[in-house]
Amino acid sequence: MAFTANDVKTLREKTGLGMMDCKKALEENSGDMEQAIEWLRKKGLAASAKKADRIAAEGIVEAYIHPGGRVGVLVEVNSETDFVARNEAFQRLVKEIAMHIAAADPAPRFVTKEEVTQDFLDTEKRIATEQALATGKPANIVERIVEGKMNSIFKEVCLLEQPFIMNPDLTIQQYLSQKTAEIGEKLSIRRFTKYIMGEGLEKRSENFAAEVAAAK
């Protein structure tokens, strides 16, 4: 059974979910609206959407240091109540998010699409254009290359849009939605910081022979 853009809109209104989740649900269920809703509920997405407007002001800050001590992450994940913040399942979720951030390459720079600044997008578009022009391809091909790059930029820099390293079939947002349904409260990632040993430092280049020669 085929489905239309209006069907996607109707499913969004019924579930409160985003367009891509609704479109995927209809695709997986041959356009059948009721089966699509059931499919979403099984994944925990429809239930979590109903909690989207609640306020999550409790939670924990997790610190994760990768073995070897060269990569560290601090991440704040919020819940609605302190009771859930002390829950083992919630704490395990937060640790998994921290581990994802530590391992992710490219490393996320923002939590959500809404946090991405226009200055950042303008800079990325300029770089992508210069790189595409350097290939010597015609202008129409360059335009398509740049468009493709910009369409994928959110998956590279937004934590919630990245495939979850422990289950690449899910994005971090989808994984968070599943856990929201399981735990029964709104959960949200507020902020994070990733530290990489030596990042931003200009490492000294040792040339002992040259130093000896200069000292003569």
N, C-alpha and C. Protein backbone atom coordinates (compact mmCIF):
# COMPACT_ATOMS: atom_id res chain seq x y z
N MET A 1 0.85 -1.20 0.00
CA MET A 1 0.00 0.00 0.00
C MET A 1 0.89 1.25 0.00
N ALA A 2 0.67 2.12 -0.96
CA ALA A 2 1.45 3.36 -1.04
C ALA A 2 0.92 4.35 0.00
N PHE A 3 1.74 5.31 0.33
CA PHE A 3 1.30 6.35 1.26
C PHE A 3 1.73 7.71 0.73
N THR A 4 1.08 8.76 1.22
CA THR A 4 1.32 10.12 0.73
C THR A 4 1.93 10.98 1.84
N ALA A 5 2.30 12.18 1.43
CA ALA A 5 2.83 13.14 2.40
C ALA A 5 1.78 13.47 3.46
N ASN A 6 0.52 13.42 3.05
CA ASN A 6 -0.56 13.70 4.00
C ASN A 6 -0.67 12.59 5.05
N ASP A 7 -0.36 11.34 4.64
CA ASP A 7 -0.36 10.23 5.59
C ASP A 7 0.74 10.43 6.63
N VAL A 8 1.90 10.90 6.17
CA VAL A 8 3.00 11.17 7.09
C VAL A 8 2.58 12.26 8.09
N LYS A 9 1.92 13.29 7.57
CA LYS A 9 1.45 14.38 8.43
C LYS A 9 0.45 13.86 9.47
N THR A 10 -0.46 13.01 9.04
CA THR A 10 -1.47 12.45 9.95
C THR A 10 -0.82 11.63 11.05
N LEU A 11 0.17 10.82 10.66
CA LEU A 11 0.87 9.99 11.65
C LEU A 11 1.64 10.86 12.63
N ARG A 12 2.21 11.95 12.15
CA ARG A 12 2.92 12.89 13.04
C ARG A 12 1.96 13.47 14.06
N GLU A 13 0.75 13.83 13.61
CA GLU A 13 -0.24 14.42 14.51
C GLU A 13 -0.71 13.42 15.56
N LYS A 14 -0.77 12.14 15.17
CA LYS A 14 -1.24 11.10 16.09
C LYS A 14 -0.19 10.71 17.11
N THR A 15 1.06 10.79 16.73
CA THR A 15 2.13 10.29 17.60
C THR A 15 3.01 11.38 18.20
N GLY A 16 3.03 12.56 17.56
CA GLY A 16 3.90 13.63 18.03
C GLY A 16 5.35 13.44 17.65
N LEU A 17 5.61 12.50 16.74
CA LEU A 17 6.99 12.20 16.33
C LEU A 17 7.39 13.01 15.10
N GLY A 18 8.69 12.98 14.80
CA GLY A 18 9.22 13.71 13.66
C GLY A 18 8.87 13.06 12.32
N MET A 19 9.06 13.83 11.26
CA MET A 19 8.69 13.38 9.92
C MET A 19 9.43 12.11 9.52
N MET A 20 10.74 12.05 9.78
CA MET A 20 11.53 10.90 9.33
C MET A 20 11.11 9.62 10.05
N ASP A 21 10.82 9.70 11.35
CA ASP A 21 10.35 8.51 12.08
C ASP A 21 9.02 8.03 11.53
N CYS A 22 8.12 8.97 11.23
CA CYS A 22 6.80 8.61 10.71
C CYS A 22 6.90 8.02 9.30
N LYS A 23 7.74 8.62 8.49
CA LYS A 23 7.94 8.10 7.13
C LYS A 23 8.50 6.69 7.17
N LYS A 24 9.48 6.47 8.04
CA LYS A 24 10.10 5.15 8.18
C LYS A 24 9.06 4.13 8.63
N ALA A 25 8.20 4.50 9.57
CA ALA A 25 7.17 3.59 10.08
C ALA A 25 6.20 3.19 8.98
N LEU A 26 5.81 4.15 8.14
CA LEU A 26 4.89 3.85 7.04
C LEU A 26 5.57 2.98 5.98
N GLU A 27 6.84 3.25 5.73
CA GLU A 27 7.59 2.43 4.77
C GLU A 27 7.69 0.98 5.25
N GLU A 28 7.94 0.80 6.54
CA GLU A 28 8.11 -0.54 7.10
C GLU A 28 6.80 -1.31 7.17
N ASN A 29 5.68 -0.59 7.07
CA ASN A 29 4.37 -1.23 7.21
C ASN A 29 3.46 -0.99 6.00
N SER A 30 4.11 -0.80 4.85
CA SER A 30 3.39 -0.70 3.56
C SER A 30 2.29 0.35 3.58
N GLY A 31 2.51 1.43 4.34
CA GLY A 31 1.55 2.53 4.36
C GLY A 31 0.37 2.35 5.28
N ASP A 32 0.30 1.22 6.00
CA ASP A 32 -0.82 0.97 6.91
C ASP A 32 -0.66 1.81 8.18
N MET A 33 -1.59 2.72 8.41
CA MET A 33 -1.49 3.68 9.51
C MET A 33 -1.46 3.01 10.88
N GLU A 34 -2.39 2.08 11.14
CA GLU A 34 -2.47 1.45 12.45
C GLU A 34 -1.25 0.57 12.73
N GLN A 35 -0.80 -0.14 11.70
CA GLN A 35 0.39 -0.96 11.88
C GLN A 35 1.62 -0.09 12.12
N ALA A 36 1.65 1.07 11.46
CA ALA A 36 2.77 1.99 11.65
C ALA A 36 2.81 2.51 13.08
N ILE A 37 1.63 2.82 13.64
CA ILE A 37 1.56 3.29 15.03
C ILE A 37 2.02 2.19 15.97
N GLU A 38 1.58 0.96 15.72
CA GLU A 38 1.99 -0.17 16.56
C GLU A 38 3.50 -0.39 16.47
N TRP A 39 4.05 -0.25 15.26
CA TRP A 39 5.49 -0.41 15.02
C TRP A 39 6.28 0.61 15.83
N LEU A 40 5.78 1.85 15.84
CA LEU A 40 6.43 2.91 16.60
C LEU A 40 6.35 2.65 18.10
N ARG A 41 5.21 2.13 18.55
CA ARG A 41 5.05 1.85 19.97
C ARG A 41 5.99 0.74 20.43
N LYS A 42 6.16 -0.27 19.58
CA LYS A 42 7.07 -1.37 19.90
C LYS A 42 8.50 -0.85 20.06
N LYS A 43 8.84 0.15 19.28
CA LYS A 43 10.17 0.74 19.37
C LYS A 43 10.28 1.75 20.52
N GLY A 44 9.14 2.04 21.14
CA GLY A 44 9.16 2.97 22.27
C GLY A 44 9.12 4.42 21.87
N LEU A 45 8.97 4.71 20.58
CA LEU A 45 9.05 6.10 20.12
C LEU A 45 7.76 6.86 20.39
N ALA A 46 6.61 6.25 20.11
CA ALA A 46 5.35 6.96 20.27
C ALA A 46 5.12 7.34 21.73
N ALA A 47 5.45 6.43 22.64
CA ALA A 47 5.26 6.72 24.05
C ALA A 47 6.15 7.85 24.52
N SER A 48 7.40 7.87 24.04
CA SER A 48 8.33 8.90 24.50
C SER A 48 7.96 10.27 23.97
N ALA A 49 7.32 10.33 22.80
CA ALA A 49 6.96 11.62 22.21
C ALA A 49 5.97 12.37 23.09
N LYS A 50 5.10 11.63 23.80
CA LYS A 50 4.11 12.26 24.65
C LYS A 50 4.76 12.96 25.85
N LYS A 51 6.00 12.57 26.16
CA LYS A 51 6.70 13.16 27.30
C LYS A 51 7.58 14.34 26.89
N ALA A 52 7.58 14.68 25.60
CA ALA A 52 8.54 15.65 25.08
C ALA A 52 8.42 17.03 25.71
N ASP A 53 7.20 17.41 26.13
CA ASP A 53 7.00 18.76 26.66
C ASP A 53 7.22 18.84 28.17
N ARG A 54 7.50 17.72 28.80
CA ARG A 54 7.76 17.76 30.24
C ARG A 54 9.12 18.39 30.52
N ILE A 55 9.33 18.76 31.77
CA ILE A 55 10.59 19.38 32.16
C ILE A 55 11.47 18.35 32.87
N ALA A 56 12.68 18.18 32.37
CA ALA A 56 13.65 17.28 33.00
C ALA A 56 14.74 18.13 33.63
N ALA A 57 14.70 18.26 34.95
CA ALA A 57 15.64 19.15 35.64
C ALA A 57 16.53 18.41 36.64
N GLU A 58 16.32 17.10 36.79
CA GLU A 58 17.19 16.29 37.63
C GLU A 58 18.19 15.56 36.74
N GLY A 59 18.88 14.58 37.26
CA GLY A 59 19.81 13.83 36.42
C GLY A 59 21.20 13.73 37.04
N ILE A 60 22.18 13.40 36.23
CA ILE A 60 23.55 13.26 36.72
C ILE A 60 24.54 13.76 35.67
N VAL A 61 25.74 14.06 36.17
CA VAL A 61 26.88 14.35 35.30
C VAL A 61 27.81 13.14 35.37
N GLU A 62 28.10 12.56 34.22
CA GLU A 62 28.96 11.38 34.16
C GLU A 62 30.33 11.75 33.61
N ALA A 63 31.36 11.21 34.25
CA ALA A 63 32.73 11.38 33.76
C ALA A 63 33.21 10.03 33.25
N TYR A 64 33.72 10.01 32.03
CA TYR A 64 34.26 8.77 31.48
C TYR A 64 35.67 9.03 30.94
N ILE A 65 36.62 8.24 31.41
CA ILE A 65 37.99 8.33 30.93
C ILE A 65 38.30 7.04 30.18
N HIS A 66 38.64 7.14 28.91
CA HIS A 66 38.93 5.96 28.12
C HIS A 66 40.26 5.35 28.58
N PRO A 67 40.35 4.00 28.60
CA PRO A 67 41.60 3.35 29.01
C PRO A 67 42.81 3.94 28.28
N GLY A 68 43.84 4.25 29.02
CA GLY A 68 45.02 4.90 28.46
C GLY A 68 45.09 6.36 28.83
N GLY A 69 43.94 6.91 29.26
CA GLY A 69 43.92 8.28 29.76
C GLY A 69 44.12 9.38 28.73
N ARG A 70 43.89 9.07 27.45
CA ARG A 70 44.10 10.10 26.42
C ARG A 70 42.80 10.76 25.95
N VAL A 71 41.67 10.18 26.32
CA VAL A 71 40.37 10.75 25.95
C VAL A 71 39.46 10.73 27.17
N GLY A 72 38.82 11.86 27.44
CA GLY A 72 37.89 11.96 28.57
C GLY A 72 36.63 12.70 28.16
N VAL A 73 35.53 12.37 28.81
CA VAL A 73 34.24 12.99 28.49
C VAL A 73 33.50 13.35 29.77
N LEU A 74 32.87 14.51 29.78
CA LEU A 74 31.89 14.89 30.80
C LEU A 74 30.56 15.10 30.07
N VAL A 75 29.50 14.48 30.57
CA VAL A 75 28.19 14.66 29.93
C VAL A 75 27.12 14.79 31.00
N GLU A 76 26.19 15.70 30.78
CA GLU A 76 25.04 15.88 31.68
C GLU A 76 23.80 15.36 30.98
N VAL A 77 23.14 14.39 31.62
CA VAL A 77 21.87 13.85 31.11
C VAL A 77 20.82 14.07 32.18
N ASN A 78 19.67 14.60 31.78
CA ASN A 78 18.62 14.97 32.73
C ASN A 78 17.44 14.00 32.73
N SER A 79 16.83 13.88 33.88
CA SER A 79 15.59 13.14 34.06
C SER A 79 14.59 14.06 34.77
N GLU A 80 13.36 13.58 34.92
CA GLU A 80 12.36 14.42 35.58
C GLU A 80 12.47 14.37 37.10
N THR A 81 12.91 13.23 37.64
CA THR A 81 12.96 13.07 39.09
C THR A 81 14.32 12.57 39.55
N ASP A 82 14.63 12.87 40.81
CA ASP A 82 15.86 12.38 41.42
C ASP A 82 15.81 10.87 41.59
N PHE A 83 14.61 10.34 41.75
CA PHE A 83 14.45 8.88 41.89
C PHE A 83 15.00 8.16 40.66
N VAL A 84 14.66 8.65 39.48
CA VAL A 84 15.16 8.04 38.24
C VAL A 84 16.66 8.28 38.10
N ALA A 85 17.12 9.46 38.52
CA ALA A 85 18.55 9.77 38.42
C ALA A 85 19.39 8.77 39.20
N ARG A 86 18.81 8.18 40.26
CA ARG A 86 19.54 7.20 41.06
C ARG A 86 19.33 5.77 40.54
N ASN A 87 18.49 5.64 39.50
CA ASN A 87 18.16 4.32 38.95
C ASN A 87 19.34 3.75 38.16
N GLU A 88 19.61 2.47 38.35
CA GLU A 88 20.76 1.84 37.70
C GLU A 88 20.65 1.88 36.18
N ALA A 89 19.44 1.69 35.65
CA ALA A 89 19.25 1.69 34.19
C ALA A 89 19.56 3.07 33.62
N PHE A 90 19.15 4.12 34.33
CA PHE A 90 19.43 5.48 33.89
C PHE A 90 20.93 5.75 33.92
N GLN A 91 21.58 5.35 34.99
CA GLN A 91 23.02 5.59 35.12
C GLN A 91 23.81 4.83 34.05
N ARG A 92 23.34 3.63 33.71
CA ARG A 92 23.99 2.87 32.64
C ARG A 92 23.83 3.58 31.29
N LEU A 93 22.63 4.13 31.06
CA LEU A 93 22.37 4.89 29.83
C LEU A 93 23.34 6.07 29.72
N VAL A 94 23.51 6.81 30.83
CA VAL A 94 24.39 7.98 30.80
C VAL A 94 25.82 7.57 30.51
N LYS A 95 26.25 6.48 31.09
CA LYS A 95 27.62 6.00 30.83
C LYS A 95 27.79 5.60 29.37
N GLU A 96 26.77 4.97 28.80
CA GLU A 96 26.84 4.56 27.40
C GLU A 96 26.92 5.78 26.48
N ILE A 97 26.18 6.84 26.83
CA ILE A 97 26.24 8.08 26.05
C ILE A 97 27.65 8.67 26.13
N ALA A 98 28.22 8.67 27.33
CA ALA A 98 29.58 9.19 27.51
C ALA A 98 30.59 8.38 26.70
N MET A 99 30.43 7.07 26.69
CA MET A 99 31.33 6.20 25.93
C MET A 99 31.19 6.44 24.42
N HIS A 100 29.96 6.68 23.98
CA HIS A 100 29.74 7.00 22.57
C HIS A 100 30.49 8.27 22.19
N ILE A 101 30.36 9.31 23.01
CA ILE A 101 31.02 10.58 22.72
C ILE A 101 32.53 10.39 22.65
N ALA A 102 33.06 9.57 23.57
CA ALA A 102 34.50 9.33 23.60
C ALA A 102 34.97 8.64 22.32
N ALA A 103 34.16 7.72 21.80
CA ALA A 103 34.56 6.92 20.65
C ALA A 103 34.19 7.53 19.30
N ALA A 104 33.22 8.44 19.29
CA ALA A 104 32.68 8.96 18.03
C ALA A 104 33.73 9.68 17.19
N ASP A 105 33.75 9.35 15.92
CA ASP A 105 34.64 10.01 14.96
C ASP A 105 33.90 10.14 13.64
N PRO A 106 33.52 11.37 13.24
CA PRO A 106 33.91 12.64 13.86
C PRO A 106 33.23 12.86 15.22
N ALA A 107 33.93 13.60 16.07
CA ALA A 107 33.39 13.90 17.39
C ALA A 107 32.24 14.88 17.27
N PRO A 108 31.14 14.67 18.02
CA PRO A 108 30.04 15.64 17.98
C PRO A 108 30.46 16.97 18.56
N ARG A 109 29.86 18.04 18.06
CA ARG A 109 30.16 19.38 18.56
C ARG A 109 28.94 20.03 19.20
N PHE A 110 27.77 19.56 18.83
CA PHE A 110 26.51 20.10 19.34
C PHE A 110 25.64 18.93 19.81
N VAL A 111 24.65 19.23 20.64
CA VAL A 111 23.71 18.18 21.05
C VAL A 111 22.62 18.03 20.00
N THR A 112 21.97 19.13 19.63
CA THR A 112 20.84 19.09 18.70
C THR A 112 21.11 19.93 17.44
N LYS A 113 20.27 19.73 16.44
CA LYS A 113 20.35 20.54 15.21
C LYS A 113 20.16 22.02 15.52
N GLU A 114 19.27 22.29 16.48
CA GLU A 114 18.94 23.68 16.81
C GLU A 114 20.12 24.45 17.38
N GLU A 115 21.10 23.73 17.92
CA GLU A 115 22.27 24.40 18.50
C GLU A 115 23.31 24.79 17.46
N VAL A 116 23.21 24.22 16.27
CA VAL A 116 24.21 24.50 15.23
C VAL A 116 24.07 25.95 14.78
N THR A 117 25.15 26.70 14.84
CA THR A 117 25.09 28.12 14.51
C THR A 117 25.19 28.35 13.00
N GLN A 118 24.66 29.47 12.56
CA GLN A 118 24.73 29.81 11.14
C GLN A 118 26.17 30.06 10.73
N ASP A 119 26.96 30.64 11.61
CA ASP A 119 28.38 30.86 11.31
C ASP A 119 29.08 29.54 11.01
N PHE A 120 28.78 28.53 11.81
CA PHE A 120 29.38 27.21 11.60
C PHE A 120 28.97 26.65 10.24
N LEU A 121 27.67 26.75 9.91
CA LEU A 121 27.18 26.23 8.63
C LEU A 121 27.80 26.98 7.46
N ASP A 122 27.92 28.30 7.59
CA ASP A 122 28.52 29.10 6.52
C ASP A 122 29.97 28.70 6.29
N THR A 123 30.70 28.49 7.38
CA THR A 123 32.11 28.08 7.27
C THR A 123 32.23 26.72 6.61
N GLU A 124 31.39 25.77 7.03
CA GLU A 124 31.44 24.42 6.45
C GLU A 124 31.07 24.44 4.97
N LYS A 125 30.12 25.29 4.61
CA LYS A 125 29.73 25.37 3.20
C LYS A 125 30.86 25.96 2.36
N ARG A 126 31.55 26.96 2.91
CA ARG A 126 32.67 27.56 2.20
C ARG A 126 33.79 26.54 1.99
N ILE A 127 34.10 25.77 3.03
CA ILE A 127 35.15 24.76 2.92
C ILE A 127 34.76 23.68 1.91
N ALA A 128 33.51 23.23 1.98
CA ALA A 128 33.04 22.20 1.07
C ALA A 128 33.08 22.68 -0.38
N THR A 129 32.75 23.96 -0.58
CA THR A 129 32.77 24.52 -1.93
C THR A 129 34.19 24.59 -2.47
N GLU A 130 35.11 25.06 -1.63
CA GLU A 130 36.52 25.15 -2.05
C GLU A 130 37.09 23.77 -2.37
N GLN A 131 36.75 22.78 -1.57
CA GLN A 131 37.22 21.42 -1.82
C GLN A 131 36.65 20.85 -3.11
N ALA A 132 35.37 21.12 -3.35
CA ALA A 132 34.72 20.62 -4.55
C ALA A 132 35.27 21.30 -5.80
N LEU A 133 35.51 22.61 -5.71
CA LEU A 133 36.07 23.34 -6.85
C LEU A 133 37.48 22.85 -7.19
N ALA A 134 38.22 22.43 -6.16
CA ALA A 134 39.59 21.96 -6.37
C ALA A 134 39.65 20.68 -7.19
N THR A 135 38.52 19.96 -7.28
CA THR A 135 38.50 18.73 -8.07
C THR A 135 38.42 19.02 -9.57
N GLY A 136 38.08 20.28 -9.92
CA GLY A 136 37.98 20.64 -11.33
C GLY A 136 36.68 20.22 -11.98
N LYS A 137 35.74 19.78 -11.20
CA LYS A 137 34.45 19.35 -11.76
C LYS A 137 33.61 20.55 -12.18
N PRO A 138 32.66 20.34 -13.10
CA PRO A 138 31.79 21.44 -13.55
C PRO A 138 30.96 22.02 -12.40
N ALA A 139 30.48 23.25 -12.62
CA ALA A 139 29.77 23.97 -11.56
C ALA A 139 28.55 23.21 -11.05
N ASN A 140 27.80 22.57 -11.95
CA ASN A 140 26.59 21.86 -11.52
C ASN A 140 26.93 20.66 -10.62
N ILE A 141 28.06 20.01 -10.92
CA ILE A 141 28.49 18.88 -10.09
C ILE A 141 28.99 19.38 -8.74
N VAL A 142 29.72 20.50 -8.77
CA VAL A 142 30.21 21.11 -7.53
C VAL A 142 29.03 21.45 -6.62
N GLU A 143 27.98 21.99 -7.20
CA GLU A 143 26.80 22.37 -6.43
C GLU A 143 26.18 21.15 -5.75
N ARG A 144 26.12 20.04 -6.48
CA ARG A 144 25.55 18.82 -5.91
C ARG A 144 26.42 18.23 -4.81
N ILE A 145 27.73 18.31 -5.00
CA ILE A 145 28.66 17.82 -3.98
C ILE A 145 28.49 18.61 -2.68
N VAL A 146 28.41 19.93 -2.82
CA VAL A 146 28.26 20.80 -1.65
C VAL A 146 26.91 20.54 -0.97
N GLU A 147 25.87 20.37 -1.77
CA GLU A 147 24.54 20.11 -1.21
C GLU A 147 24.55 18.80 -0.42
N GLY A 148 25.19 17.78 -0.98
CA GLY A 148 25.27 16.49 -0.29
C GLY A 148 26.02 16.60 1.02
N LYS A 149 27.11 17.36 1.01
CA LYS A 149 27.90 17.57 2.22
C LYS A 149 27.08 18.27 3.29
N MET A 150 26.36 19.31 2.91
CA MET A 150 25.59 20.08 3.88
C MET A 150 24.41 19.27 4.42
N ASN A 151 23.86 18.37 3.58
CA ASN A 151 22.76 17.52 4.05
C ASN A 151 23.22 16.53 5.11
N SER A 152 24.50 16.16 5.04
CA SER A 152 25.01 15.16 5.98
C SER A 152 25.71 15.78 7.19
N ILE A 153 25.84 17.09 7.19
CA ILE A 153 26.64 17.74 8.23
C ILE A 153 26.06 17.53 9.63
N PHE A 154 24.72 17.50 9.74
CA PHE A 154 24.11 17.34 11.06
C PHE A 154 24.42 15.97 11.66
N LYS A 155 24.50 14.95 10.81
CA LYS A 155 24.84 13.60 11.30
C LYS A 155 26.28 13.55 11.80
N GLU A 156 27.09 14.43 11.31
CA GLU A 156 28.50 14.44 11.72
C GLU A 156 28.71 15.22 13.02
N VAL A 157 28.00 16.33 13.18
CA VAL A 157 28.32 17.23 14.30
C VAL A 157 27.29 17.26 15.42
N CYS A 158 26.10 16.68 15.21
CA CYS A 158 25.05 16.71 16.24
C CYS A 158 24.97 15.35 16.93
N LEU A 159 25.15 15.32 18.22
CA LEU A 159 25.16 14.08 18.98
C LEU A 159 23.88 13.27 18.75
N LEU A 160 22.73 13.91 18.82
CA LEU A 160 21.47 13.18 18.70
C LEU A 160 21.25 12.57 17.33
N GLU A 161 21.93 13.09 16.30
CA GLU A 161 21.76 12.60 14.94
C GLU A 161 22.74 11.48 14.58
N GLN A 162 23.73 11.25 15.44
CA GLN A 162 24.75 10.25 15.12
C GLN A 162 24.25 8.83 15.36
N PRO A 163 24.68 7.87 14.52
CA PRO A 163 24.36 6.46 14.79
C PRO A 163 25.02 6.05 16.11
N PHE A 164 24.26 5.40 16.97
CA PHE A 164 24.75 4.97 18.27
C PHE A 164 25.82 3.89 18.07
N ILE A 165 27.00 4.11 18.59
CA ILE A 165 28.12 3.21 18.34
C ILE A 165 27.83 1.78 18.81
N MET A 166 27.06 1.63 19.88
CA MET A 166 26.76 0.29 20.38
C MET A 166 25.62 -0.39 19.63
N ASN A 167 24.90 0.38 18.83
CA ASN A 167 23.83 -0.17 17.98
C ASN A 167 23.61 0.80 16.82
N PRO A 168 24.40 0.68 15.75
CA PRO A 168 24.35 1.65 14.64
C PRO A 168 23.02 1.72 13.90
N ASP A 169 22.11 0.76 14.18
CA ASP A 169 20.78 0.83 13.56
C ASP A 169 19.94 1.94 14.17
N LEU A 170 20.37 2.46 15.31
CA LEU A 170 19.65 3.54 16.00
C LEU A 170 20.51 4.78 16.05
N THR A 171 19.86 5.95 15.95
CA THR A 171 20.57 7.18 16.27
C THR A 171 20.54 7.35 17.79
N ILE A 172 21.35 8.26 18.29
CA ILE A 172 21.33 8.55 19.72
C ILE A 172 19.94 9.03 20.14
N GLN A 173 19.28 9.82 19.29
CA GLN A 173 17.93 10.29 19.59
C GLN A 173 16.95 9.13 19.73
N GLN A 174 17.04 8.17 18.81
CA GLN A 174 16.13 7.02 18.86
C GLN A 174 16.41 6.16 20.08
N TYR A 175 17.68 6.00 20.41
CA TYR A 175 18.04 5.23 21.59
C TYR A 175 17.52 5.92 22.85
N LEU A 176 17.67 7.23 22.91
CA LEU A 176 17.18 8.00 24.05
C LEU A 176 15.66 7.89 24.16
N SER A 177 14.98 7.90 23.01
CA SER A 177 13.52 7.76 23.01
C SER A 177 13.09 6.40 23.53
N GLN A 178 13.80 5.36 23.14
CA GLN A 178 13.50 4.02 23.64
C GLN A 178 13.63 3.97 25.16
N LYS A 179 14.72 4.54 25.68
CA LYS A 179 14.97 4.51 27.11
C LYS A 179 13.96 5.38 27.86
N THR A 180 13.51 6.46 27.22
CA THR A 180 12.47 7.30 27.82
C THR A 180 11.20 6.48 28.03
N ALA A 181 10.85 5.66 27.02
CA ALA A 181 9.65 4.82 27.12
C ALA A 181 9.82 3.74 28.19
N GLU A 182 11.02 3.16 28.26
CA GLU A 182 11.27 2.09 29.22
C GLU A 182 11.28 2.61 30.66
N ILE A 183 11.92 3.74 30.87
CA ILE A 183 12.08 4.28 32.22
C ILE A 183 10.82 5.01 32.67
N GLY A 184 10.11 5.60 31.71
CA GLY A 184 8.84 6.25 32.03
C GLY A 184 8.92 7.72 32.33
N GLU A 185 10.07 8.35 32.08
CA GLU A 185 10.22 9.78 32.27
C GLU A 185 10.92 10.38 31.06
N LYS A 186 10.73 11.68 30.88
CA LYS A 186 11.48 12.38 29.84
C LYS A 186 12.96 12.39 30.21
N LEU A 187 13.79 12.01 29.25
CA LEU A 187 15.24 12.03 29.43
C LEU A 187 15.83 12.94 28.35
N SER A 188 16.82 13.73 28.70
CA SER A 188 17.41 14.61 27.70
C SER A 188 18.89 14.83 28.00
N ILE A 189 19.65 14.94 26.90
CA ILE A 189 21.07 15.24 27.03
C ILE A 189 21.22 16.75 26.97
N ARG A 190 21.76 17.34 28.02
CA ARG A 190 21.85 18.79 28.07
C ARG A 190 23.13 19.33 27.46
N ARG A 191 24.27 18.74 27.82
CA ARG A 191 25.55 19.27 27.34
C ARG A 191 26.64 18.23 27.56
N PHE A 192 27.74 18.44 26.90
CA PHE A 192 28.88 17.53 27.04
C PHE A 192 30.16 18.26 26.66
N THR A 193 31.27 17.71 27.14
CA THR A 193 32.60 18.19 26.77
C THR A 193 33.48 16.98 26.54
N LYS A 194 34.25 17.00 25.46
CA LYS A 194 35.17 15.91 25.17
C LYS A 194 36.60 16.46 25.21
N TYR A 195 37.45 15.78 25.93
CA TYR A 195 38.85 16.18 26.04
C TYR A 195 39.72 15.13 25.34
N ILE A 196 40.61 15.59 24.48
CA ILE A 196 41.56 14.71 23.82
C ILE A 196 42.96 15.18 24.19
N MET A 197 43.76 14.28 24.71
CA MET A 197 45.10 14.62 25.17
C MET A 197 45.89 15.33 24.08
N GLY A 198 46.41 16.52 24.40
CA GLY A 198 47.26 17.25 23.47
C GLY A 198 46.53 18.02 22.39
N GLU A 199 45.20 17.93 22.35
CA GLU A 199 44.46 18.62 21.29
C GLU A 199 44.66 20.13 21.40
N GLY A 200 45.01 20.76 20.28
CA GLY A 200 45.19 22.20 20.25
C GLY A 200 46.59 22.66 20.59
N LEU A 201 47.43 21.74 21.05
CA LEU A 201 48.81 22.12 21.37
C LEU A 201 49.71 21.89 20.16
N GLU A 202 50.63 22.78 19.97
CA GLU A 202 51.62 22.62 18.90
C GLU A 202 52.77 21.81 19.47
N LYS A 203 52.88 20.57 19.02
CA LYS A 203 53.89 19.68 19.57
C LYS A 203 55.28 20.05 19.06
N ARG A 204 56.26 20.01 19.97
CA ARG A 204 57.62 20.38 19.64
C ARG A 204 58.26 19.30 18.76
N SER A 205 58.90 19.73 17.73
CA SER A 205 59.61 18.81 16.84
C SER A 205 61.08 18.79 17.25
N GLU A 206 61.53 17.65 17.73
CA GLU A 206 62.90 17.52 18.21
C GLU A 206 63.84 17.23 17.04
N ASN A 207 64.95 18.00 16.97
CA ASN A 207 65.97 17.74 15.97
C ASN A 207 67.31 17.94 16.65
N PHE A 208 67.77 16.89 17.31
CA PHE A 208 68.97 16.98 18.15
C PHE A 208 70.19 17.36 17.32
N ALA A 209 70.35 16.80 16.12
CA ALA A 209 71.51 17.08 15.27
C ALA A 209 71.59 18.56 14.94
N ALA A 210 70.43 19.15 14.62
CA ALA A 210 70.41 20.57 14.25
C ALA A 210 70.77 21.44 15.46
N GLU A 211 70.31 21.04 16.65
CA GLU A 211 70.62 21.81 17.86
C GLU A 211 72.12 21.76 18.16
N VAL A 212 72.74 20.60 17.96
CA VAL A 212 74.18 20.45 18.20
C VAL A 212 74.97 21.31 17.22
N ALA A 213 74.55 21.28 15.94
CA ALA A 213 75.23 22.06 14.91
C ALA A 213 75.13 23.54 15.21
N ALA A 214 73.96 23.99 15.69
CA ALA A 214 73.76 25.41 15.98
C ALA A 214 74.58 25.87 17.18
N ALA A 215 74.88 24.93 18.08
CA ALA A 215 75.62 25.28 19.29
C ALA A 215 77.13 25.42 19.07
N LYS A 216 77.66 24.97 17.93
CA LYS A 216 79.09 25.02 17.66
C LYS A 216 79.58 26.46 17.44
